[in-house]
Protein backbone atom coordinates (compact mmCIF):
# COMPACT_ATOMS: atom_id res chain seq x y z
CA MET A 1 79.17 -104.48 30.54
CA ASN A 2 82.01 -106.59 30.18
CA ASN A 3 84.04 -106.34 26.86
CA SER A 4 84.48 -110.21 27.14
CA SER A 5 80.49 -110.93 27.22
CA VAL A 6 80.00 -108.52 24.28
CA ASN A 7 82.63 -110.06 21.97
CA ASN A 8 81.01 -113.64 23.04
CA LYS A 9 77.62 -112.29 22.12
CA GLY A 10 78.94 -111.36 18.66
CA PHE A 11 80.88 -114.16 17.97
CA ASN A 12 77.64 -116.23 18.82
CA VAL A 13 75.75 -114.35 16.59
CA LEU A 14 78.49 -114.69 13.64
CA LYS A 15 78.36 -118.47 14.33
CA LEU A 16 74.62 -118.69 14.11
CA ILE A 17 74.59 -116.48 10.74
CA LEU A 18 77.32 -118.71 9.31
CA ALA A 19 75.43 -122.05 10.46
CA ILE A 20 72.43 -120.90 8.96
CA ASN A 21 74.15 -119.87 5.64
CA PHE A 22 75.98 -123.10 5.31
CA ASN A 23 72.98 -125.25 5.93
CA ALA A 24 71.27 -123.09 3.29
CA SER A 25 73.80 -123.59 0.85
CA VAL A 26 73.72 -127.45 1.51
CA ILE A 27 69.97 -127.43 0.83
CA PHE A 28 70.27 -125.15 -2.09
CA LEU A 29 73.04 -127.45 -3.72
CA LEU A 30 70.66 -130.46 -3.46
CA ILE A 31 67.60 -128.56 -4.88
CA VAL A 32 69.83 -127.26 -7.64
CA GLY A 33 71.15 -130.51 -8.53
CA VAL A 34 67.95 -132.46 -8.49
CA ILE A 35 66.14 -130.08 -10.34
CA SER A 36 68.96 -129.70 -12.89
CA ALA A 37 69.23 -133.35 -13.04
CA MET A 38 65.69 -133.60 -14.27
CA GLY A 39 66.28 -131.44 -17.39
CA SER A 40 65.14 -128.02 -15.84
CA THR A 41 66.94 -125.02 -16.88
CA LEU A 42 65.66 -122.99 -13.89
CA PHE A 43 69.26 -122.41 -12.71
CA PHE A 44 71.40 -123.00 -15.33
CA ASP A 45 70.85 -122.53 -18.97
CA ASP A 46 72.56 -125.74 -20.61
CA GLN A 47 72.93 -124.77 -24.17
CA ASN A 48 70.70 -127.06 -26.54
CA GLU A 49 73.39 -127.41 -29.12
CA LEU A 50 75.25 -129.96 -27.22
CA TYR A 51 74.44 -133.72 -28.23
CA GLY A 52 75.68 -137.05 -27.56
CA PRO A 53 77.85 -137.76 -24.40
CA MET A 54 78.48 -134.01 -23.78
CA ALA A 55 74.89 -133.23 -23.25
CA GLY A 56 74.49 -134.50 -19.48
CA ASN A 57 78.09 -133.68 -18.55
CA LEU A 58 77.23 -130.69 -16.34
CA ARG A 59 74.09 -132.21 -14.98
CA LEU A 60 75.86 -135.32 -14.00
CA MET A 61 78.78 -133.24 -12.44
CA LEU A 62 75.95 -131.69 -10.06
CA ILE A 63 74.84 -135.28 -9.06
CA TYR A 64 78.24 -136.27 -8.19
CA LEU A 65 78.73 -133.15 -6.29
CA CYS A 66 75.54 -133.54 -4.46
CA LEU A 67 76.63 -137.18 -3.40
CA THR A 68 80.17 -135.78 -2.50
CA GLU A 69 78.32 -133.14 -0.16
CA LEU A 70 76.22 -135.56 1.41
CA ALA A 71 79.26 -137.72 2.21
CA VAL A 72 81.42 -134.89 3.42
CA TYR A 73 78.67 -133.38 5.54
CA SER A 74 77.70 -136.80 7.34
CA PHE A 75 81.35 -137.39 8.01
CA CYS A 76 81.90 -133.81 9.47
CA ARG A 77 78.69 -133.88 11.52
CA PHE A 78 79.00 -137.40 12.81
CA GLY A 79 82.65 -137.34 13.37
CA ASP A 80 82.67 -133.62 14.80
CA ASN A 81 85.56 -133.02 12.58
CA TYR A 82 84.80 -130.11 10.30
CA GLN A 83 88.19 -129.77 8.26
CA GLY A 84 86.63 -131.65 5.55
CA LEU A 85 84.48 -128.80 5.17
CA LEU A 86 87.29 -126.33 4.67
CA ILE A 87 88.61 -128.74 2.01
CA LEU A 88 85.55 -129.16 0.31
CA GLY A 89 85.07 -125.13 0.32
CA ALA A 90 88.46 -124.88 -1.29
CA PHE A 91 87.66 -127.74 -4.05
CA LEU A 92 84.31 -125.57 -4.89
CA LEU A 93 86.34 -122.35 -5.39
CA ILE A 94 88.75 -124.22 -7.44
CA LEU A 95 85.87 -125.91 -9.41
CA MET A 96 84.75 -122.34 -10.02
CA VAL A 97 87.92 -121.92 -12.31
CA SER A 98 87.83 -125.54 -13.49
CA ILE A 99 84.53 -125.13 -15.06
CA GLU A 100 85.53 -122.27 -17.27
CA PHE A 101 88.65 -124.20 -18.37
CA TYR A 102 86.48 -127.20 -19.17
CA GLY A 103 84.14 -124.95 -21.27
CA THR A 104 87.27 -123.37 -23.06
CA ILE A 105 88.76 -126.83 -23.89
CA ASN A 106 85.82 -128.54 -25.00
CA GLN A 107 84.39 -125.57 -26.66
CA VAL A 108 81.16 -125.65 -24.74
CA PRO A 109 79.43 -122.58 -23.58
CA ILE A 110 79.09 -122.33 -19.86
CA ASP A 111 76.31 -120.67 -17.98
CA ASP A 112 77.36 -117.63 -16.21
CA ASN A 113 75.74 -118.81 -13.08
CA TYR A 114 78.06 -121.85 -12.30
CA PRO A 115 80.86 -119.58 -11.26
CA ARG A 116 78.70 -117.64 -8.94
CA PHE A 117 77.12 -120.71 -7.74
CA PHE A 118 80.54 -122.39 -6.89
CA LEU A 119 81.76 -119.17 -5.26
CA TYR A 120 78.68 -118.97 -2.89
CA LEU A 121 79.08 -122.71 -2.01
CA GLY A 122 82.85 -122.61 -1.62
CA LEU A 123 82.74 -119.46 0.72
CA SER A 124 79.76 -120.76 2.73
CA HIS A 125 81.86 -124.03 3.49
CA ILE A 126 84.86 -122.34 4.23
CA GLY A 127 83.32 -119.84 6.71
CA TYR A 128 81.42 -122.53 8.36
CA GLY A 129 84.25 -125.13 8.47
CA ALA A 130 86.64 -122.35 10.02
CA LEU A 131 84.45 -121.94 13.05
CA PRO A 132 85.52 -124.76 15.24
CA SER A 133 89.32 -123.40 14.69
CA ALA A 134 88.21 -119.96 15.58
CA ASN A 135 86.22 -121.20 18.57
CA LYS A 136 89.41 -122.81 19.94
CA ALA A 137 91.34 -119.45 19.44
């Protein structure tokens, strides 16, 4: 068996796994965003001691993130340019740190699941966004 065909098959399997994982992460983001926006604490335990304008900030952030995701995903899919996913993935990783900073500055308790959620989303986007670059190499 040719060494090149084994490498090709391995690369194709990796591409398939990354594509499935990426699409699952997009669907997961949309589900989490909608369920959290409806007030459920299934994924994130938003603390009840928040009142007024602060009460919905994190939920609203998830809705904006869902809309951004749909826009970037559509742009990348229809334009066949996946660099936007790399940028969005980096943004999601930065958001992982930013949400902790937000909680500290505003003295708001942040659920521990937010950083894990953004880590998964960010790595999924970067992995899938890097595929076309790896394919060219």
